[in-house]
């Protein structure tokens, strides 16, 4: 009986794995089938490097969206990564068990808050704050940066904490035995040994920020122009995609272009995942040496 139950579970697990693989293949195939022909009609150069987005006039240039996505993502990473790493150092090396039981659920709560809540808070709090301090409308790259900073913080913090805790204990003991202080050991030894894991956390944070749609759409301004400052309204690939998907008719050029935007986002996500795999592989090679 036990033998048959193991075979049944083996088949169940195999079906689940195949279903996951099939779902990924179908999603990729659907995006490529709907996105590539449209890019071919518009022209890759005109599509990627075009600076004007006027769907009603048949002009589809996504360069301002790419720049807006990069600016918002870079801003969130510049603010979120240092804070996340410092929080991870505290959680992994300094806080006691009682404090850890309080801090960890608090960070967990940040990861569990829906995107629309972040967007609503950003719209009601961050946008007026930016308008009051920096002027302008309050909508723009800076507001998107503040919102995404909080959203990627749990990812960076937890993955960095795991990387720091995975460093072999004898590294720290050897450093302390040679006369290094506790902070010197963390700064010079532990962080260096955990570098691949920290880089992975940063990349996952970038992917999280780059792919966020709803929260960014609510605070960035959704103006498809190349941003001239951090406080001018801008647009990202995800914000334009979410705004346009309900305002187009299936099969039209305007609708097919949105599939092309989704294809660009998919390729960017694949690029982030490949980078993570590369870093993980290099880390494994270093350990084998």
Foldseek 3Di string as FASTA:
>chain_A
DVVVVVVVVVVVVVVVVVVVVVVVVVLLVVLCVLAVVLCVVCDVCQQDVPQDPDVVVPRHHCVLQALQLVLLLVLLLVPQLVVLLVLLCCLQPNDDPVVNVVVVVVLVVLQVDDLLVLLVCLLVPQQVVCCVPPNDRSAASVSSSVSLNSNLSSLLNVQSNVLLNPPDPVQLVVCVVVPDDPVCSCVVPSCVLSVLSNVLSSLVSSLVSSQDANSSLSGQQQDSGRDPDGRDRGHHLRPCLVVCCVVDDPPDSSNSNSSNSVSVSVVVNVVSVVVNVVSVVVSVVVVVD
